[in-house]
Amino acid sequence: NLIKGSIVVYESTVYPGATEDICIPILERESGLKYG
């Protein structure tokens, strides 16, 4: 449900690197949008 121009902020506890290594690729794959 992500649209262009959005910001996603994670508050859930994760180990260092999880946001970039796990979460961002999922957002890209599901949305078809490009991170950054």
PDB file of all heavy atoms in Angstrom:
ATOM      1  N   ASN A   1       0.810  -1.218   0.000  1.00  0.00           N
ATOM      2  CA  ASN A   1       0.000   0.000   0.000  1.00  0.00           C
ATOM      3  C   ASN A   1       0.844   1.270   0.000  1.00  0.00           C
ATOM      4  O   ASN A   1       0.361   2.359   0.314  1.00  0.00           O
ATOM      5  CB  ASN A   1      -0.934  -0.011   1.208  1.00  0.00           C
ATOM      6  CG  ASN A   1      -1.894  -1.183   1.194  1.00  0.00           C
ATOM      7  OD1 ASN A   1      -2.897  -1.178   0.491  1.00  0.00           O
ATOM      8  ND2 ASN A   1      -1.583  -2.227   1.966  1.00  0.00           N
ATOM      9  N   LEU A   2       2.120   1.110  -0.360  1.00  0.00           N
ATOM     10  CA  LEU A   2       3.061   2.228  -0.351  1.00  0.00           C
ATOM     11  C   LEU A   2       2.929   3.057  -1.626  1.00  0.00           C
ATOM     12  O   LEU A   2       2.822   2.514  -2.721  1.00  0.00           O
ATOM     13  CB  LEU A   2       4.483   1.694  -0.211  1.00  0.00           C
ATOM     14  CG  LEU A   2       5.576   2.674   0.238  1.00  0.00           C
ATOM     15  CD1 LEU A   2       5.278   3.210   1.630  1.00  0.00           C
ATOM     16  CD2 LEU A   2       6.941   1.977   0.208  1.00  0.00           C
ATOM     17  N   ILE A   3       2.939   4.364  -1.479  1.00  0.00           N
ATOM     18  CA  ILE A   3       2.870   5.254  -2.632  1.00  0.00           C
ATOM     19  C   ILE A   3       4.122   6.131  -2.678  1.00  0.00           C
ATOM     20  O   ILE A   3       4.832   6.295  -1.672  1.00  0.00           O
ATOM     21  CB  ILE A   3       1.600   6.131  -2.600  1.00  0.00           C
ATOM     22  CG1 ILE A   3       1.559   6.983  -1.330  1.00  0.00           C
ATOM     23  CG2 ILE A   3       0.354   5.264  -2.696  1.00  0.00           C
ATOM     24  CD1 ILE A   3       0.345   7.908  -1.259  1.00  0.00           C
ATOM     25  N   LYS A   4       4.408   6.687  -3.839  1.00  0.00           N
ATOM     26  CA  LYS A   4       5.605   7.512  -4.019  1.00  0.00           C
ATOM     27  C   LYS A   4       5.607   8.700  -3.052  1.00  0.00           C
ATOM     28  O   LYS A   4       4.574   9.272  -2.760  1.00  0.00           O
ATOM     29  CB  LYS A   4       5.690   8.022  -5.454  1.00  0.00           C
ATOM     30  CG  LYS A   4       6.157   6.969  -6.453  1.00  0.00           C
ATOM     31  CD  LYS A   4       6.376   7.590  -7.827  1.00  0.00           C
ATOM     32  CE  LYS A   4       6.900   6.556  -8.822  1.00  0.00           C
ATOM     33  NZ  LYS A   4       7.175   7.141 -10.155  1.00  0.00           N
ATOM     34  N   GLY A   5       6.816   9.027  -2.590  1.00  0.00           N
ATOM     35  CA  GLY A   5       6.966  10.168  -1.688  1.00  0.00           C
ATOM     36  C   GLY A   5       6.744   9.836  -0.229  1.00  0.00           C
ATOM     37  O   GLY A   5       6.675  10.735   0.613  1.00  0.00           O
ATOM     38  N   SER A   6       6.644   8.554   0.104  1.00  0.00           N
ATOM     39  CA  SER A   6       6.353   8.141   1.471  1.00  0.00           C
ATOM     40  C   SER A   6       7.622   7.944   2.299  1.00  0.00           C
ATOM     41  O   SER A   6       8.718   7.742   1.773  1.00  0.00           O
ATOM     42  CB  SER A   6       5.551   6.833   1.474  1.00  0.00           C
ATOM     43  OG  SER A   6       4.279   6.993   0.902  1.00  0.00           O
ATOM     44  N   ILE A   7       7.432   7.986   3.610  1.00  0.00           N
ATOM     45  CA  ILE A   7       8.473   7.638   4.583  1.00  0.00           C
ATOM     46  C   ILE A   7       7.915   6.561   5.507  1.00  0.00           C
ATOM     47  O   ILE A   7       6.801   6.683   6.016  1.00  0.00           O
ATOM     48  CB  ILE A   7       8.912   8.861   5.412  1.00  0.00           C
ATOM     49  CG1 ILE A   7       9.633   9.881   4.527  1.00  0.00           C
ATOM     50  CG2 ILE A   7       9.831   8.430   6.566  1.00  0.00           C
ATOM     51  CD1 ILE A   7      10.044  11.156   5.258  1.00  0.00           C
ATOM     52  N   VAL A   8       8.703   5.511   5.706  1.00  0.00           N
ATOM     53  CA  VAL A   8       8.325   4.430   6.618  1.00  0.00           C
ATOM     54  C   VAL A   8       9.304   4.439   7.786  1.00  0.00           C
ATOM     55  O   VAL A   8      10.514   4.341   7.593  1.00  0.00           O
ATOM     56  CB  VAL A   8       8.352   3.054   5.927  1.00  0.00           C
ATOM     57  CG1 VAL A   8       7.897   1.966   6.910  1.00  0.00           C
ATOM     58  CG2 VAL A   8       7.482   3.049   4.679  1.00  0.00           C
ATOM     59  N   VAL A   9       8.784   4.570   9.005  1.00  0.00           N
ATOM     60  CA  VAL A   9       9.613   4.586  10.211  1.00  0.00           C
ATOM     61  C   VAL A   9       9.327   3.328  11.024  1.00  0.00           C
ATOM     62  O   VAL A   9       8.180   3.063  11.389  1.00  0.00           O
ATOM     63  CB  VAL A   9       9.335   5.829  11.076  1.00  0.00           C
ATOM     64  CG1 VAL A   9      10.267   5.830  12.291  1.00  0.00           C
ATOM     65  CG2 VAL A   9       9.504   7.099  10.269  1.00  0.00           C
ATOM     66  N   TYR A  10      10.367   2.564  11.316  1.00  0.00           N
ATOM     67  CA  TYR A  10      10.226   1.363  12.133  1.00  0.00           C
ATOM     68  C   TYR A  10      10.542   1.687  13.588  1.00  0.00           C
ATOM     69  O   TYR A  10      11.573   2.294  13.889  1.00  0.00           O
ATOM     70  CB  TYR A  10      11.149   0.254  11.628  1.00  0.00           C
ATOM     71  CG  TYR A  10      10.697  -0.349  10.328  1.00  0.00           C
ATOM     72  CD1 TYR A  10      11.107   0.176   9.101  1.00  0.00           C
ATOM     73  CD2 TYR A  10       9.835  -1.436  10.308  1.00  0.00           C
ATOM     74  CE1 TYR A  10      10.680  -0.367   7.905  1.00  0.00           C
ATOM     75  CE2 TYR A  10       9.402  -1.997   9.107  1.00  0.00           C
ATOM     76  CZ  TYR A  10       9.822  -1.452   7.919  1.00  0.00           C
ATOM     77  OH  TYR A  10       9.386  -2.006   6.723  1.00  0.00           O
ATOM     78  N   GLU A  11       9.646   1.276  14.489  1.00  0.00           N
ATOM     79  CA  GLU A  11       9.884   1.401  15.926  1.00  0.00           C
ATOM     80  C   GLU A  11      10.104   0.039  16.585  1.00  0.00           C
ATOM     81  O   GLU A  11      10.592  -0.029  17.707  1.00  0.00           O
ATOM     82  CB  GLU A  11       8.714   2.114  16.608  1.00  0.00           C
ATOM     83  CG  GLU A  11       8.603   3.592  16.290  1.00  0.00           C
ATOM     84  CD  GLU A  11       8.007   4.398  17.427  1.00  0.00           C
ATOM     85  OE1 GLU A  11       7.727   3.813  18.488  1.00  0.00           O
ATOM     86  OE2 GLU A  11       7.832   5.603  17.261  1.00  0.00           O
ATOM     87  N   SER A  12       9.757  -1.018  15.894  1.00  0.00           N
ATOM     88  CA  SER A  12       9.894  -2.366  16.433  1.00  0.00           C
ATOM     89  C   SER A  12      11.361  -2.699  16.705  1.00  0.00           C
ATOM     90  O   SER A  12      12.238  -2.365  15.906  1.00  0.00           O
ATOM     91  CB  SER A  12       9.308  -3.394  15.463  1.00  0.00           C
ATOM     92  OG  SER A  12       7.961  -3.088  15.141  1.00  0.00           O
ATOM     93  N   THR A  13      11.614  -3.360  17.822  1.00  0.00           N
ATOM     94  CA  THR A  13      12.974  -3.759  18.170  1.00  0.00           C
ATOM     95  C   THR A  13      13.505  -4.795  17.185  1.00  0.00           C
ATOM     96  O   THR A  13      12.860  -5.816  16.939  1.00  0.00           O
ATOM     97  CB  THR A  13      13.021  -4.346  19.583  1.00  0.00           C
ATOM     98  OG1 THR A  13      12.582  -3.362  20.512  1.00  0.00           O
ATOM     99  CG2 THR A  13      14.433  -4.790  19.943  1.00  0.00           C
ATOM    100  N   VAL A  14      14.666  -4.525  16.632  1.00  0.00           N
ATOM    101  CA  VAL A  14      15.331  -5.460  15.717  1.00  0.00           C
ATOM    102  C   VAL A  14      16.826  -5.423  16.011  1.00  0.00           C
ATOM    103  O   VAL A  14      17.316  -4.536  16.696  1.00  0.00           O
ATOM    104  CB  VAL A  14      15.082  -5.088  14.233  1.00  0.00           C
ATOM    105  CG1 VAL A  14      13.622  -5.297  13.862  1.00  0.00           C
ATOM    106  CG2 VAL A  14      15.518  -3.654  13.940  1.00  0.00           C
ATOM    107  N   TYR A  15      17.557  -6.402  15.485  1.00  0.00           N
ATOM    108  CA  TYR A  15      19.002  -6.352  15.633  1.00  0.00           C
ATOM    109  C   TYR A  15      19.592  -5.365  14.625  1.00  0.00           C
ATOM    110  O   TYR A  15      18.973  -5.055  13.603  1.00  0.00           O
ATOM    111  CB  TYR A  15      19.632  -7.736  15.451  1.00  0.00           C
ATOM    112  CG  TYR A  15      19.312  -8.430  14.144  1.00  0.00           C
ATOM    113  CD1 TYR A  15      19.945  -8.086  12.964  1.00  0.00           C
ATOM    114  CD2 TYR A  15      18.385  -9.459  14.103  1.00  0.00           C
ATOM    115  CE1 TYR A  15      19.674  -8.726  11.768  1.00  0.00           C
ATOM    116  CE2 TYR A  15      18.087 -10.111  12.914  1.00  0.00           C
ATOM    117  CZ  TYR A  15      18.732  -9.739  11.758  1.00  0.00           C
ATOM    118  OH  TYR A  15      18.453 -10.372  10.562  1.00  0.00           O
ATOM    119  N   PRO A  16      20.772  -4.804  14.909  1.00  0.00           N
ATOM    120  CA  PRO A  16      21.377  -3.827  13.993  1.00  0.00           C
ATOM    121  C   PRO A  16      21.552  -4.386  12.584  1.00  0.00           C
ATOM    122  O   PRO A  16      22.137  -5.452  12.396  1.00  0.00           O
ATOM    123  CB  PRO A  16      22.743  -3.540  14.651  1.00  0.00           C
ATOM    124  CG  PRO A  16      22.536  -3.845  16.094  1.00  0.00           C
ATOM    125  CD  PRO A  16      21.579  -4.996  16.132  1.00  0.00           C
ATOM    126  N   GLY A  17      20.998  -3.679  11.616  1.00  0.00           N
ATOM    127  CA  GLY A  17      21.090  -4.085  10.220  1.00  0.00           C
ATOM    128  C   GLY A  17      19.803  -4.665   9.667  1.00  0.00           C
ATOM    129  O   GLY A  17      19.639  -4.776   8.445  1.00  0.00           O
ATOM    130  N   ALA A  18      18.858  -5.026  10.529  1.00  0.00           N
ATOM    131  CA  ALA A  18      17.626  -5.692  10.078  1.00  0.00           C
ATOM    132  C   ALA A  18      16.757  -4.792   9.222  1.00  0.00           C
ATOM    133  O   ALA A  18      16.148  -5.242   8.244  1.00  0.00           O
ATOM    134  CB  ALA A  18      16.837  -6.210  11.281  1.00  0.00           C
ATOM    135  N   THR A  19      16.664  -3.515   9.586  1.00  0.00           N
ATOM    136  CA  THR A  19      15.831  -2.590   8.811  1.00  0.00           C
ATOM    137  C   THR A  19      16.289  -2.518   7.363  1.00  0.00           C
ATOM    138  O   THR A  19      15.486  -2.613   6.427  1.00  0.00           O
ATOM    139  CB  THR A  19      15.845  -1.184   9.440  1.00  0.00           C
ATOM    140  OG1 THR A  19      15.352  -1.256  10.787  1.00  0.00           O
ATOM    141  CG2 THR A  19      14.979  -0.219   8.635  1.00  0.00           C
ATOM    142  N   GLU A  20      17.598  -2.362   7.172  1.00  0.00           N
ATOM    143  CA  GLU A  20      18.146  -2.214   5.825  1.00  0.00           C
ATOM    144  C   GLU A  20      18.259  -3.545   5.086  1.00  0.00           C
ATOM    145  O   GLU A  20      18.062  -3.600   3.870  1.00  0.00           O
ATOM    146  CB  GLU A  20      19.514  -1.524   5.907  1.00  0.00           C
ATOM    147  CG  GLU A  20      19.401  -0.058   6.362  1.00  0.00           C
ATOM    148  CD  GLU A  20      20.708   0.507   6.871  1.00  0.00           C
ATOM    149  OE1 GLU A  20      21.223  -0.020   7.889  1.00  0.00           O
ATOM    150  OE2 GLU A  20      21.215   1.471   6.287  1.00  0.00           O
ATOM    151  N   ASP A  21      18.586  -4.607   5.818  1.00  0.00           N
ATOM    152  CA  ASP A  21      18.816  -5.906   5.160  1.00  0.00           C
ATOM    153  C   ASP A  21      17.539  -6.694   4.908  1.00  0.00           C
ATOM    154  O   ASP A  21      17.462  -7.474   3.943  1.00  0.00           O
ATOM    155  CB  ASP A  21      19.767  -6.761   6.011  1.00  0.00           C
ATOM    156  CG  ASP A  21      21.149  -6.151   6.129  1.00  0.00           C
ATOM    157  OD1 ASP A  21      21.487  -5.271   5.320  1.00  0.00           O
ATOM    158  OD2 ASP A  21      21.891  -6.546   7.061  1.00  0.00           O
ATOM    159  N   ILE A  22      16.524  -6.524   5.763  1.00  0.00           N
ATOM    160  CA  ILE A  22      15.302  -7.322   5.660  1.00  0.00           C
ATOM    161  C   ILE A  22      14.085  -6.492   5.274  1.00  0.00           C
ATOM    162  O   ILE A  22      13.366  -6.825   4.320  1.00  0.00           O
ATOM    163  CB  ILE A  22      15.036  -8.058   6.996  1.00  0.00           C
ATOM    164  CG1 ILE A  22      16.159  -9.069   7.247  1.00  0.00           C
ATOM    165  CG2 ILE A  22      13.675  -8.763   6.972  1.00  0.00           C
ATOM    166  CD1 ILE A  22      16.064  -9.774   8.574  1.00  0.00           C
ATOM    167  N   CYS A  23      13.845  -5.400   5.991  1.00  0.00           N
ATOM    168  CA  CYS A  23      12.608  -4.646   5.807  1.00  0.00           C
ATOM    169  C   CYS A  23      12.564  -3.877   4.482  1.00  0.00           C
ATOM    170  O   CYS A  23      11.550  -3.911   3.765  1.00  0.00           O
ATOM    171  CB  CYS A  23      12.390  -3.679   6.974  1.00  0.00           C
ATOM    172  SG  CYS A  23      12.247  -4.501   8.571  1.00  0.00           S
ATOM    173  N   ILE A  24      13.629  -3.160   4.166  1.00  0.00           N
ATOM    174  CA  ILE A  24      13.634  -2.345   2.950  1.00  0.00           C
ATOM    175  C   ILE A  24      13.467  -3.184   1.684  1.00  0.00           C
ATOM    176  O   ILE A  24      12.670  -2.820   0.803  1.00  0.00           O
ATOM    177  CB  ILE A  24      14.908  -1.472   2.896  1.00  0.00           C
ATOM    178  CG1 ILE A  24      14.816  -0.375   3.964  1.00  0.00           C
ATOM    179  CG2 ILE A  24      15.087  -0.845   1.509  1.00  0.00           C
ATOM    180  CD1 ILE A  24      16.071   0.461   4.119  1.00  0.00           C
ATOM    181  N   PRO A  25      14.183  -4.311   1.529  1.00  0.00           N
ATOM    182  CA  PRO A  25      13.942  -5.149   0.341  1.00  0.00           C
ATOM    183  C   PRO A  25      12.488  -5.606   0.212  1.00  0.00           C
ATOM    184  O   PRO A  25      11.969  -5.717  -0.907  1.00  0.00           O
ATOM    185  CB  PRO A  25      14.884  -6.339   0.554  1.00  0.00           C
ATOM    186  CG  PRO A  25      15.991  -5.795   1.397  1.00  0.00           C
ATOM    187  CD  PRO A  25      15.331  -4.821   2.314  1.00  0.00           C
ATOM    188  N   ILE A  26      11.827  -5.881   1.342  1.00  0.00           N
ATOM    189  CA  ILE A  26      10.418  -6.281   1.302  1.00  0.00           C
ATOM    190  C   ILE A  26       9.562  -5.122   0.798  1.00  0.00           C
ATOM    191  O   ILE A  26       8.671  -5.309  -0.038  1.00  0.00           O
ATOM    192  CB  ILE A  26       9.936  -6.738   2.697  1.00  0.00           C
ATOM    193  CG1 ILE A  26      10.641  -8.027   3.103  1.00  0.00           C
ATOM    194  CG2 ILE A  26       8.417  -6.949   2.708  1.00  0.00           C
ATOM    195  CD1 ILE A  26      10.354  -8.455   4.537  1.00  0.00           C
ATOM    196  N   LEU A  27       9.809  -3.925   1.306  1.00  0.00           N
ATOM    197  CA  LEU A  27       9.066  -2.746   0.861  1.00  0.00           C
ATOM    198  C   LEU A  27       9.233  -2.534  -0.646  1.00  0.00           C
ATOM    199  O   LEU A  27       8.261  -2.239  -1.349  1.00  0.00           O
ATOM    200  CB  LEU A  27       9.536  -1.502   1.617  1.00  0.00           C
ATOM    201  CG  LEU A  27       9.233  -1.443   3.122  1.00  0.00           C
ATOM    202  CD1 LEU A  27       9.895  -0.213   3.741  1.00  0.00           C
ATOM    203  CD2 LEU A  27       7.731  -1.414   3.373  1.00  0.00           C
ATOM    204  N   GLU A  28      10.459  -2.688  -1.128  1.00  0.00           N
ATOM    205  CA  GLU A  28      10.718  -2.523  -2.565  1.00  0.00           C
ATOM    206  C   GLU A  28       9.983  -3.585  -3.378  1.00  0.00           C
ATOM    207  O   GLU A  28       9.338  -3.277  -4.395  1.00  0.00           O
ATOM    208  CB  GLU A  28      12.226  -2.606  -2.845  1.00  0.00           C
ATOM    209  CG  GLU A  28      12.998  -1.369  -2.432  1.00  0.00           C
ATOM    210  CD  GLU A  28      14.424  -1.407  -2.939  1.00  0.00           C
ATOM    211  OE1 GLU A  28      15.091  -2.459  -2.778  1.00  0.00           O
ATOM    212  OE2 GLU A  28      14.910  -0.394  -3.477  1.00  0.00           O
ATOM    213  N   ARG A  29      10.084  -4.829  -2.945  1.00  0.00           N
ATOM    214  CA  ARG A  29       9.475  -5.938  -3.694  1.00  0.00           C
ATOM    215  C   ARG A  29       7.951  -5.810  -3.736  1.00  0.00           C
ATOM    216  O   ARG A  29       7.335  -6.006  -4.796  1.00  0.00           O
ATOM    217  CB  ARG A  29       9.882  -7.254  -3.052  1.00  0.00           C
ATOM    218  CG  ARG A  29       9.361  -8.482  -3.817  1.00  0.00           C
ATOM    219  CD  ARG A  29       9.886  -9.773  -3.234  1.00  0.00           C
ATOM    220  NE  ARG A  29       9.387 -10.040  -1.882  1.00  0.00           N
ATOM    221  CZ  ARG A  29      10.150  -9.992  -0.795  1.00  0.00           C
ATOM    222  NH1 ARG A  29      11.440  -9.724  -0.884  1.00  0.00           N
ATOM    223  NH2 ARG A  29       9.600 -10.247   0.384  1.00  0.00           N
ATOM    224  N   GLU A  30       7.350  -5.499  -2.608  1.00  0.00           N
ATOM    225  CA  GLU A  30       5.890  -5.448  -2.535  1.00  0.00           C
ATOM    226  C   GLU A  30       5.314  -4.229  -3.236  1.00  0.00           C
ATOM    227  O   GLU A  30       4.203  -4.274  -3.778  1.00  0.00           O
ATOM    228  CB  GLU A  30       5.435  -5.459  -1.072  1.00  0.00           C
ATOM    229  CG  GLU A  30       5.759  -6.734  -0.313  1.00  0.00           C
ATOM    230  CD  GLU A  30       4.982  -7.933  -0.802  1.00  0.00           C
ATOM    231  OE1 GLU A  30       3.854  -7.753  -1.311  1.00  0.00           O
ATOM    232  OE2 GLU A  30       5.510  -9.066  -0.691  1.00  0.00           O
ATOM    233  N   SER A  31       6.038  -3.130  -3.222  1.00  0.00           N
ATOM    234  CA  SER A  31       5.529  -1.877  -3.789  1.00  0.00           C
ATOM    235  C   SER A  31       5.913  -1.661  -5.245  1.00  0.00           C
ATOM    236  O   SER A  31       5.222  -0.945  -5.981  1.00  0.00           O
ATOM    237  CB  SER A  31       6.031  -0.688  -2.965  1.00  0.00           C
ATOM    238  OG  SER A  31       7.449  -0.542  -3.095  1.00  0.00           O
ATOM    239  N   GLY A  32       7.032  -2.277  -5.646  1.00  0.00           N
ATOM    240  CA  GLY A  32       7.557  -1.996  -6.981  1.00  0.00           C
ATOM    241  C   GLY A  32       8.257  -0.647  -7.058  1.00  0.00           C
ATOM    242  O   GLY A  32       8.625  -0.193  -8.150  1.00  0.00           O
ATOM    243  N   LEU A  33       8.447  -0.006  -5.900  1.00  0.00           N
ATOM    244  CA  LEU A  33       9.093   1.298  -5.837  1.00  0.00           C
ATOM    245  C   LEU A  33      10.562   1.150  -5.449  1.00  0.00           C
ATOM    246  O   LEU A  33      10.983   0.116  -4.928  1.00  0.00           O
ATOM    247  CB  LEU A  33       8.381   2.200  -4.823  1.00  0.00           C
ATOM    248  CG  LEU A  33       6.891   2.454  -5.066  1.00  0.00           C
ATOM    249  CD1 LEU A  33       6.297   3.290  -3.931  1.00  0.00           C
ATOM    250  CD2 LEU A  33       6.676   3.164  -6.408  1.00  0.00           C
ATOM    251  N   LYS A  34      11.344   2.209  -5.690  1.00  0.00           N
ATOM    252  CA  LYS A  34      12.776   2.182  -5.433  1.00  0.00           C
ATOM    253  C   LYS A  34      13.107   2.959  -4.169  1.00  0.00           C
ATOM    254  O   LYS A  34      12.769   4.137  -4.024  1.00  0.00           O
ATOM    255  CB  LYS A  34      13.546   2.774  -6.631  1.00  0.00           C
ATOM    256  CG  LYS A  34      15.058   2.610  -6.547  1.00  0.00           C
ATOM    257  CD  LYS A  34      15.463   1.145  -6.659  1.00  0.00           C
ATOM    258  CE  LYS A  34      17.013   1.052  -6.643  1.00  0.00           C
ATOM    259  NZ  LYS A  34      17.450  -0.381  -6.653  1.00  0.00           N
ATOM    260  N   TYR A  35      13.785   2.259  -3.249  1.00  0.00           N
ATOM    261  CA  TYR A  35      14.217   2.870  -1.996  1.00  0.00           C
ATOM    262  C   TYR A  35      15.199   4.004  -2.266  1.00  0.00           C
ATOM    263  O   TYR A  35      16.120   3.878  -3.073  1.00  0.00           O
ATOM    264  CB  TYR A  35      14.873   1.817  -1.108  1.00  0.00           C
ATOM    265  CG  TYR A  35      15.616   2.354   0.094  1.00  0.00           C
ATOM    266  CD1 TYR A  35      14.944   3.052   1.089  1.00  0.00           C
ATOM    267  CD2 TYR A  35      16.994   2.155   0.237  1.00  0.00           C
ATOM    268  CE1 TYR A  35      15.622   3.534   2.209  1.00  0.00           C
ATOM    269  CE2 TYR A  35      17.677   2.626   1.348  1.00  0.00           C
ATOM    270  CZ  TYR A  35      16.992   3.317   2.325  1.00  0.00           C
ATOM    271  OH  TYR A  35      17.673   3.800   3.422  1.00  0.00           O
ATOM    272  N   GLY A  36      15.025   5.102  -1.581  1.00  0.00           N
ATOM    273  CA  GLY A  36      15.903   6.257  -1.726  1.00  0.00           C
ATOM    274  C   GLY A  36      15.470   7.204  -2.817  1.00  0.00           C
ATOM    275  O   GLY A  36      15.890   8.366  -2.828  1.00  0.00           O
TER     276      GLY A  36
END
